[in-house]
Protein backbone atom coordinates (compact mmCIF):
# COMPACT_ATOMS: atom_id res chain seq x y z
CA MET A 1 67.01 82.07 118.55
CA ASP A 2 66.08 82.03 114.86
CA ILE A 3 68.59 83.17 112.26
CA LYS A 4 67.77 85.86 109.72
CA LEU A 5 68.40 84.03 106.48
CA PRO A 6 69.05 85.41 103.01
CA LYS A 7 65.76 84.99 101.12
CA LYS A 8 67.30 82.83 98.43
CA LEU A 9 68.26 80.18 100.97
CA ARG A 10 64.61 79.27 101.46
CA ILE A 11 64.26 78.70 97.75
CA LEU A 12 67.56 76.81 97.59
CA SER A 13 66.47 74.50 100.40
CA TYR A 14 63.37 73.59 98.37
CA TYR A 15 65.65 72.01 95.78
CA LEU A 16 68.06 70.66 98.40
CA PRO A 17 66.06 69.45 101.42
CA SER A 18 67.86 68.93 104.74
CA LEU A 19 70.30 71.75 103.95
CA TYR A 20 72.28 73.27 106.83
CA ILE A 21 74.14 76.52 107.41
CA VAL A 22 77.36 76.05 109.35
CA GLY A 23 80.34 78.10 110.45
CA GLY A 24 80.76 81.82 110.91
CA PHE A 25 77.27 82.79 109.76
CA VAL A 26 75.69 80.69 112.53
CA ARG A 27 78.28 81.75 115.11
CA ASN A 28 77.84 85.46 114.39
CA SER A 29 74.05 85.22 114.33
CA LEU A 30 74.08 83.70 117.81
CA LEU A 31 76.44 86.45 118.99
CA GLU A 32 74.31 89.12 117.27
CA LEU A 33 77.27 90.20 115.18
CA PRO A 34 77.29 91.09 111.47
CA ALA A 35 76.81 88.00 109.33
CA SER A 36 79.80 86.44 107.60
CA ASP A 37 79.92 84.41 104.39
CA VAL A 38 77.24 81.76 103.96
CA ASP A 39 78.64 78.22 104.29
CA LEU A 40 76.25 75.37 103.57
CA ALA A 41 76.52 71.63 104.16
CA ALA A 42 74.48 68.51 103.52
CA GLU A 43 74.95 64.91 102.46
CA TYR A 44 74.60 65.62 98.69
CA THR A 45 77.65 65.20 96.48
CA VAL A 46 78.55 68.03 94.15
CA SER A 47 77.18 66.03 91.22
CA GLU A 48 73.88 65.59 93.03
CA VAL A 49 73.75 69.31 93.78
CA ALA A 50 74.38 70.09 90.13
CA THR A 51 71.54 67.76 89.08
CA ALA A 52 69.14 69.18 91.67
CA LEU A 53 69.80 72.77 90.62
CA ALA A 54 69.73 72.19 86.87
CA ASN A 55 67.16 74.40 85.12
CA THR A 56 66.73 76.58 88.21
CA GLU A 57 67.86 80.13 88.95
CA PHE A 58 70.95 78.76 90.71
CA TYR A 59 74.25 77.90 89.05
CA LEU A 60 77.60 76.56 90.22
CA ILE A 61 81.18 77.84 89.90
CA ASN A 62 84.56 76.87 91.39
CA VAL A 63 83.56 73.22 91.49
CA ASN A 64 85.96 70.93 93.39
CA LYS A 65 84.51 67.44 93.26
CA LYS A 66 87.45 65.94 95.16
CA LEU A 67 86.78 68.11 98.21
CA GLY A 68 83.03 68.22 97.66
CA THR A 69 82.91 72.02 97.50
CA VAL A 70 81.19 74.38 95.12
CA LYS A 71 80.04 78.00 95.08
CA ILE A 72 76.33 78.53 94.47
CA LEU A 73 75.12 81.75 92.85
CA SER A 74 71.73 83.07 91.75
CA ARG A 75 70.85 84.44 88.32
CA GLU A 76 68.08 86.51 89.89
CA ASP A 77 70.05 88.00 92.81
CA ARG A 78 73.62 89.00 92.04
CA PHE A 79 74.30 89.61 95.73
CA PHE A 80 73.57 86.03 96.74
CA ALA A 81 76.53 83.68 97.12
CA ALA A 82 77.01 80.57 99.23
CA GLU A 83 79.67 77.90 99.46
CA TYR A 84 78.41 74.35 99.70
CA THR A 85 80.42 71.40 101.07
CA THR A 86 79.37 67.76 101.21
CA PHE A 87 79.57 66.14 104.65
CA ARG A 88 82.99 64.54 104.70
CA VAL A 89 85.86 63.09 106.72
CA ASP A 90 89.38 64.34 105.98
CA SER A 91 92.74 62.63 106.34
CA TYR A 92 96.04 64.52 106.38
CA PRO A 93 99.67 63.47 105.89
CA ALA A 94 101.29 62.72 109.25
CA GLY A 95 103.59 65.32 110.78
CA LYS A 96 102.94 68.03 108.20
CA GLY A 97 101.03 71.19 108.99
CA VAL A 98 99.65 71.50 105.49
CA HIS A 99 96.06 72.33 104.71
CA THR A 100 95.09 70.08 101.81
CA PRO A 101 93.71 66.68 102.89
CA SER A 102 95.49 63.68 101.41
CA ASP A 103 92.23 61.74 101.42
CA VAL A 104 88.56 62.73 101.55
CA VAL A 105 85.67 60.38 102.28
CA PHE A 106 82.11 61.66 101.87
CA THR A 107 79.63 60.68 104.55
CA LYS A 108 75.99 61.02 105.49
CA ASN A 109 77.01 61.39 109.13
CA MET A 110 76.83 65.06 110.14
CA GLU A 111 78.67 64.46 113.40
CA LYS A 112 81.73 63.19 111.54
CA ASP A 113 81.59 66.34 109.41
CA ALA A 114 81.46 68.47 112.56
CA LEU A 115 84.49 66.74 114.02
CA ARG A 116 86.66 67.52 110.98
CA ARG A 117 86.21 71.27 111.60
CA ASP A 118 88.60 73.42 113.59
CA PHE A 119 86.82 75.06 116.56
CA THR A 120 83.55 74.29 118.30
CA VAL A 121 82.16 77.77 117.72
CA ASN A 122 82.56 77.16 113.98
CA ALA A 123 80.91 73.73 114.03
CA ILE A 124 77.32 74.68 114.91
CA TYR A 125 74.73 73.70 112.29
CA TYR A 126 71.39 75.37 111.64
CA SER A 127 68.66 73.57 109.70
CA ILE A 128 67.02 75.76 107.08
CA ASP A 129 64.03 73.38 107.02
CA THR A 130 63.33 73.12 110.76
CA ALA A 131 65.08 76.22 112.21
CA GLU A 132 66.85 73.95 114.71
CA TYR A 133 70.47 74.01 115.85
CA VAL A 134 72.62 70.90 115.79
CA ASP A 135 75.68 71.16 118.04
CA PHE A 136 77.75 67.98 118.42
CA THR A 137 80.86 69.62 119.88
CA GLY A 138 79.50 72.06 122.45
CA GLY A 139 79.93 75.19 120.37
CA ILE A 140 76.86 76.96 121.78
CA PRO A 141 77.97 76.59 125.42
CA ASP A 142 81.44 77.78 124.35
CA LEU A 143 79.89 80.90 122.83
CA HIS A 144 78.21 81.63 126.16
CA ARG A 145 81.49 81.02 127.98
CA LYS A 146 83.39 83.08 125.40
CA ILE A 147 85.91 80.31 124.87
CA ILE A 148 87.69 79.10 121.73
CA ARG A 149 88.19 75.33 121.84
CA THR A 150 88.99 72.70 119.22
CA THR A 151 86.35 70.21 118.09
CA ARG A 152 88.61 67.25 118.91
CA ALA A 153 91.92 66.63 120.64
CA PRO A 154 93.71 69.91 119.88
CA GLU A 155 97.03 68.30 118.97
CA LYS A 156 95.26 66.47 116.13
CA VAL A 157 93.45 69.58 114.93
CA PHE A 158 96.65 71.64 114.71
CA ALA A 159 98.64 68.80 113.17
CA GLU A 160 96.21 68.81 110.24
CA ASP A 161 96.74 72.46 109.43
CA GLY A 162 99.31 74.68 111.11
CA LEU A 163 97.43 77.77 110.00
CA ARG A 164 94.78 76.92 112.57
CA ILE A 165 97.17 78.32 115.18
CA LEU A 166 96.85 81.74 113.58
CA ARG A 167 93.10 81.31 113.13
CA LEU A 168 92.86 80.49 116.84
CA VAL A 169 94.54 83.77 117.74
CA ARG A 170 92.53 85.74 115.19
CA LEU A 171 89.16 84.42 116.38
CA ALA A 172 90.02 85.02 120.03
CA ALA A 173 91.12 88.57 119.22
CA GLU A 174 88.23 89.48 116.92
CA LEU A 175 85.58 88.11 119.29
CA GLY A 176 87.24 89.10 122.56
CA PHE A 177 87.20 85.44 123.66
CA ASP A 178 89.62 83.49 125.81
CA ILE A 179 91.35 80.34 124.62
CA ASP A 180 90.73 77.01 126.30
CA PRO A 181 93.93 76.15 128.27
CA GLU A 182 94.34 72.71 126.69
CA THR A 183 93.87 74.19 123.21
CA LYS A 184 96.38 76.92 123.97
CA GLU A 185 99.01 74.48 125.22
CA ALA A 186 98.56 72.25 122.17
CA ALA A 187 98.94 75.26 119.86
CA LYS A 188 102.22 76.13 121.58
CA ASN A 189 103.47 72.57 121.17
CA ALA A 190 102.45 72.46 117.49
CA VAL A 191 103.83 75.86 116.50
CA LYS A 192 106.53 74.32 114.32
CA MET A 193 103.73 73.28 111.95
CA LEU A 194 103.64 76.89 110.77
CA ALA A 195 106.87 76.20 108.89
CA ASP A 196 104.85 74.08 106.44
CA VAL A 197 102.24 76.78 105.78
CA SER A 198 102.64 78.90 102.65
CA GLY A 199 103.62 82.52 102.97
CA GLU A 200 100.42 83.67 101.28
CA ARG A 201 98.18 81.90 103.80
CA LYS A 202 100.17 83.20 106.76
CA ARG A 203 100.07 86.74 105.33
CA GLU A 204 96.31 86.64 104.87
CA GLU A 205 95.66 85.53 108.45
CA PHE A 206 98.26 87.85 109.95
CA MET A 207 96.91 90.94 108.24
CA LYS A 208 93.47 90.08 109.63
CA ILE A 209 95.06 89.73 113.07
CA LEU A 210 96.57 93.20 112.78
CA ARG A 211 93.04 94.51 112.12
CA ALA A 212 91.32 92.41 114.78
CA ASP A 213 90.09 95.41 116.76
CA LYS A 214 88.30 96.75 113.66
CA LYS A 215 86.39 93.57 112.78
CA TYR A 216 83.34 94.17 114.98
CA TYR A 217 84.30 97.29 117.01
CA LEU A 218 83.32 95.65 120.29
CA PRO A 219 84.23 97.18 123.65
CA SER A 220 85.87 93.85 124.53
CA THR A 221 88.13 93.99 121.48
CA ARG A 222 89.73 97.37 122.05
CA ASN A 223 93.47 96.94 121.38
CA ALA A 224 92.73 93.39 120.21
CA GLU A 225 95.63 93.58 117.75
CA ILE A 226 98.08 94.12 120.63
CA ARG A 227 96.60 91.27 122.60
CA ALA A 228 96.90 89.08 119.51
CA LEU A 229 100.55 89.98 118.91
CA ARG A 230 101.44 89.15 122.48
CA LEU A 231 99.51 85.90 122.26
CA LEU A 232 101.34 84.96 119.04
CA ASP A 233 104.61 85.66 120.82
CA GLU A 234 103.56 83.58 123.81
CA LEU A 235 102.77 80.65 121.51
CA GLY A 236 106.08 81.05 119.69
CA ALA A 237 104.23 81.77 116.44
CA LEU A 238 105.33 85.35 115.82
CA GLU A 239 108.85 84.32 114.85
CA TYR A 240 107.41 82.12 112.08
CA ILE A 241 105.71 85.18 110.62
CA VAL A 242 108.34 87.87 111.24
CA PRO A 243 111.72 86.12 111.58
CA GLY A 244 114.17 88.11 113.70
CA ILE A 245 111.59 90.02 115.70
CA SER A 246 112.28 88.02 118.86
CA ASP A 247 115.92 89.16 118.87
CA GLY A 248 114.71 92.46 120.29
CA LYS A 249 113.52 90.89 123.53
CA GLY A 250 115.45 92.23 126.48
CA MET A 251 117.50 94.57 124.27
CA ALA A 252 117.43 97.79 126.23
CA GLN A 253 117.39 101.18 124.53
CA PRO A 254 118.62 104.56 125.82
CA PRO A 255 116.26 105.33 128.71
CA GLU A 256 116.16 109.02 127.87
CA HIS A 257 114.38 108.11 124.64
CA HIS A 258 112.71 104.73 125.26
CA VAL A 259 110.68 103.12 128.03
CA TYR A 260 110.61 99.68 126.32
CA ASP A 261 113.11 97.21 124.98
CA VAL A 262 113.24 96.83 121.19
CA PHE A 263 110.67 94.03 120.99
CA ASN A 264 108.06 95.73 123.15
CA HIS A 265 108.68 99.03 121.38
CA LEU A 266 107.79 97.37 118.06
CA VAL A 267 104.59 95.90 119.48
CA GLU A 268 103.61 99.17 121.12
CA THR A 269 104.23 101.11 117.91
CA VAL A 270 101.47 99.02 116.33
CA ARG A 271 99.11 100.34 119.02
CA TYR A 272 99.56 103.92 117.80
CA CYS A 273 99.70 103.28 114.04
CA PRO A 274 96.78 103.78 111.65
CA VAL A 275 95.49 100.38 110.56
CA ASP A 276 97.19 100.41 107.16
CA LEU A 277 100.57 101.19 108.75
CA ARG A 278 100.53 98.56 111.48
CA PHE A 279 102.75 96.11 109.63
CA ALA A 280 105.30 98.85 108.88
CA GLY A 281 105.14 99.86 112.54
CA LEU A 282 105.90 96.30 113.61
CA LEU A 283 108.97 96.21 111.36
CA HIS A 284 110.33 99.74 111.58
CA ASP A 285 113.09 99.00 114.15
CA ILE A 286 113.54 95.29 113.43
CA GLY A 287 117.14 95.90 112.35
CA LYS A 288 118.31 97.19 115.73
CA PRO A 289 119.44 93.84 117.23
CA ARG A 290 121.51 92.94 114.16
CA SER A 291 122.95 96.43 113.95
CA GLN A 292 123.97 96.25 117.60
CA LYS A 293 125.54 92.82 117.10
CA LYS A 294 127.41 93.78 113.93
CA TYR A 295 128.49 97.34 114.70
CA GLY A 296 128.19 97.68 118.46
CA ASN A 297 125.48 100.31 118.05
CA MET A 298 122.06 100.78 116.44
CA HIS A 299 123.05 103.50 113.99
CA MET A 300 122.66 101.25 110.93
CA HIS A 301 119.35 99.72 111.99
CA GLY A 302 117.42 101.42 109.20
CA ALA A 303 119.42 99.90 106.34
CA ILE A 304 119.59 96.50 108.03
CA GLY A 305 115.86 96.67 108.77
CA GLN A 306 115.14 97.36 105.11
CA ASP A 307 116.95 94.17 104.09
CA MET A 308 115.13 92.20 106.77
CA ALA A 309 111.78 93.58 105.65
CA LYS A 310 112.49 92.48 102.08
CA ASN A 311 113.07 88.94 103.34
CA VAL A 312 110.02 88.96 105.62
CA MET A 313 107.74 90.25 102.88
CA GLY A 314 109.37 88.68 99.83
CA LYS A 315 109.05 85.41 97.94
CA ARG A 316 110.59 83.35 100.73
CA GLY A 317 108.46 85.08 103.32
CA LEU A 318 104.90 86.35 103.33
CA ARG A 319 104.88 87.07 99.59
CA PHE A 320 103.53 90.61 99.65
CA SER A 321 103.32 92.41 96.33
CA LYS A 322 106.37 94.37 95.19
CA LYS A 323 104.43 97.61 95.64
CA GLU A 324 103.51 96.77 99.25
CA THR A 325 107.05 95.64 100.05
CA ASP A 326 108.67 98.71 98.52
CA LYS A 327 106.44 101.00 100.55
CA VAL A 328 107.31 99.36 103.87
CA VAL A 329 111.00 99.33 102.95
CA ARG A 330 110.85 103.05 102.18
CA LEU A 331 109.07 103.80 105.46
CA ILE A 332 111.73 101.92 107.41
CA GLY A 333 114.40 103.89 105.57
CA THR A 334 112.77 107.27 106.19
CA HIS A 335 111.36 106.98 109.72
CA MET A 336 114.57 108.34 111.29
CA TYR A 337 115.08 111.19 108.82
CA ASP A 338 115.51 114.54 110.60
CA ILE A 339 114.87 112.83 113.93
CA ASP A 340 117.04 115.46 115.65
CA GLY A 341 115.49 118.40 113.76
CA MET A 342 118.89 119.49 112.44
CA THR A 343 118.29 118.93 108.73
CA THR A 344 118.39 122.16 106.74
CA GLU A 345 115.06 123.37 105.43
CA LYS A 346 116.40 123.13 101.89
CA LYS A 347 117.16 119.43 102.27
CA LEU A 348 113.94 118.77 104.14
CA LYS A 349 111.90 120.28 101.34
CA MET A 350 113.50 117.93 98.82
CA PHE A 351 112.96 115.00 101.18
CA ILE A 352 109.26 115.86 101.23
CA ILE A 353 109.14 116.08 97.43
CA ASP A 354 111.06 112.82 96.96
CA ASN A 355 108.67 111.03 99.31
CA LEU A 356 105.50 112.94 98.53
CA ASP A 357 103.55 109.77 97.70
CA ILE A 358 104.15 108.38 101.20
CA ILE A 359 104.78 111.56 103.19
CA ASP A 360 101.54 111.30 105.20
CA ASP A 361 102.55 107.77 106.19
CA VAL A 362 106.06 108.92 107.10
CA VAL A 363 104.54 111.52 109.42
CA ALA A 364 102.08 109.01 110.92
CA LEU A 365 104.81 106.43 111.54
CA LYS A 366 107.06 109.04 113.16
CA ARG A 367 104.21 109.99 115.50
CA ALA A 368 103.45 106.37 116.38
CA ASP A 369 107.16 105.79 116.99
CA ALA A 370 107.33 108.77 119.35
CA LYS A 371 104.27 107.67 121.33
CA ALA A 372 105.60 104.13 121.64
CA SER A 373 109.02 105.43 122.69
CA ALA A 374 107.46 107.39 125.54
CA GLY A 375 104.68 104.91 126.29
CA ASP A 376 102.35 107.88 126.18
CA PHE A 377 99.55 108.63 123.72
CA SER A 378 100.07 112.37 124.20
CA ALA A 379 103.76 112.28 123.24
CA ARG A 380 104.63 114.36 120.18
CA SER A 381 107.15 113.96 117.40
CA GLU A 382 108.86 117.27 116.69
CA SER A 383 110.21 115.75 113.49
CA ALA A 384 106.72 114.83 112.27
CA ASP A 385 105.38 118.26 113.22
CA ARG A 386 108.21 119.97 111.36
CA ILE A 387 107.61 117.97 108.18
CA GLU A 388 103.85 118.46 108.33
CA ASN A 389 104.12 122.21 108.91
CA LEU A 390 106.69 122.64 106.15
CA LEU A 391 104.51 120.67 103.73
CA LYS A 392 101.57 122.98 104.49
CA ARG A 393 103.74 126.02 103.80
CA MET A 394 104.99 124.55 100.54
CA LYS A 395 101.46 123.90 99.34
CA ALA A 396 100.31 127.35 100.41
CA ASP A 397 103.11 129.29 98.72
CA GLY A 398 102.89 127.51 95.37
CA THR A 399 106.06 125.44 95.67
CA PRO A 400 106.29 123.06 92.68
CA MET A 401 106.01 119.53 94.07
CA SER A 402 107.43 117.66 91.07
CA THR A 403 109.15 118.26 87.75
CA ALA A 404 105.71 117.89 86.14
CA GLU A 405 104.71 121.16 87.84
CA LEU A 406 107.63 123.10 86.35
CA LEU A 407 106.89 125.59 83.59
CA VAL A 408 109.59 124.28 81.29
CA ASP A 409 109.43 120.96 79.48
CA GLY A 410 111.26 118.61 77.17
CA ASN A 411 111.02 120.95 74.20
CA ASP A 412 112.83 123.62 76.20
CA LEU A 413 115.58 121.15 77.04
CA ILE A 414 115.98 120.30 73.38
CA GLY A 415 115.93 123.97 72.46
CA THR A 416 118.76 124.75 74.85
CA LYS A 417 120.71 121.76 73.54
CA ILE A 418 120.82 119.88 76.85
CA PRO A 419 122.23 116.41 76.01
CA GLU A 420 119.67 113.63 76.29
CA ASP A 421 121.56 111.90 79.11
CA LYS A 422 121.53 115.16 81.12
CA ARG A 423 117.86 116.10 80.74
CA ALA A 424 116.57 114.35 83.87
CA TRP A 425 119.43 115.94 85.82
CA ALA A 426 118.60 119.36 84.41
CA MET A 427 114.93 119.11 85.36
CA ARG A 428 115.93 118.05 88.86
CA LYS A 429 118.26 121.06 89.19
CA ILE A 430 115.50 123.41 88.08
CA LEU A 431 113.07 121.83 90.55
CA GLU A 432 115.54 122.13 93.43
CA HIS A 433 116.12 125.79 92.63
CA ALA A 434 112.43 126.59 92.19
CA VAL A 435 111.54 124.82 95.44
CA ASN A 436 113.95 126.95 97.43
CA HIS A 437 113.74 130.21 95.47
CA PRO A 438 110.25 131.67 95.04
CA ASP A 439 111.58 134.03 92.35
CA CYS A 440 112.18 130.97 90.13
CA ARG A 441 108.54 130.03 89.70
CA THR A 442 107.74 131.73 86.42
CA ARG A 443 108.43 130.27 83.01
CA GLU A 444 110.87 133.04 82.16
CA SER A 445 112.89 132.59 85.36
CA GLN A 446 113.04 128.82 84.94
CA LEU A 447 114.17 129.18 81.32
CA GLU A 448 116.84 131.61 82.44
CA TYR A 449 118.05 129.17 85.09
CA LEU A 450 118.04 126.36 82.52
CA ARG A 451 120.20 128.34 80.11
CA GLY A 452 122.71 128.99 82.86
CA LEU A 453 123.17 125.36 83.83
CA ASN A 454 126.64 123.89 83.45
CA TYR A 455 125.72 120.47 82.20
CA GLY A 456 129.29 119.43 81.60
CA SER A 457 129.43 118.10 85.18
CA ASN A 458 127.02 117.33 87.97
């Protein structure tokens, strides 16, 4: 089967004869899946590539002569981009699951280059010159068998880079493939190597894993993210990504509300979450085991879960941005609000306003939580319905949704001699009153309320 190549590759191969495509582009072409990034390989050093492409339409960026890698772009086609790597053999420090090779030796031997790669399905080469495949490791038969297998002894492959354990799970999930038993056992035995992998690299792979079902939308990858989470747990890898999550295993919950233990409830919540909320869904009840251990009940699991999420997502963990971390922490803190439907409408309105920027996510997480609690896609969350319906009413009846929508402003506060340190408080009081009293939604009524405020005490 011929590969549909970007047009610029034909021109590039004129300047660099015996150029090969390798990796995901070849794999996906053989599987008739959307093409991935273009990875190229040949025996030329980066310096030789630079010389060959001088005075052509192509130019180089991100040059790493030590690793023999460079990105090739075209001045005539801004959409063309390819990463080139010289055939090489890598050496890694013993016993460390780090990614950067301690020593690199360039070679003219393509087979040695193939054997340094991670999985056979990623080590298939395609000659741009001859349109022939070169497969030293059996990647093409593995594609037909739908198997992920390492190019060499799996214990050596994982010892070189612990992140390959997560890549193994991601590839299997995204493609709907099985994992070779020997490869799977070696990954389980090497899982401690994940401790040496940076939080950023683990985060990047894990977020792709949580979206595995959306990569190619294949029938075989429906619920791929759930399969991947359970596979990570089976390998012992999940605890290296989300410390503390395993404590929920076997921890029963009140049967009138839950069909799963804490751990399985967290995993099942992911099933029902929108893609962008899956990580929050996985963490939302993570504080329950520690709450139970510390207090003898799960009543404080929200606050404890917030602290755990900060650690999981923070500088010593997966190193999410502050904005991303704060959002998940807020969702954990709000997912139980009004769970019994007993909150007064007045308070619930202010809860909506205070969380307006994430209120749709609060509702979605509550619904996913309810479905996972019942183990039933049709299960409803009365709390989510109540919030959603109240929000619709507030929008329809002209309820001000923030102090910015009030009809009084800072000049009015100054004019009524509200002390500077009381002005934010005063605006909040006006907003609360206007939200719950429709007759306080004109400028005159809000000014009247402002004048009557007793700002001597809160």
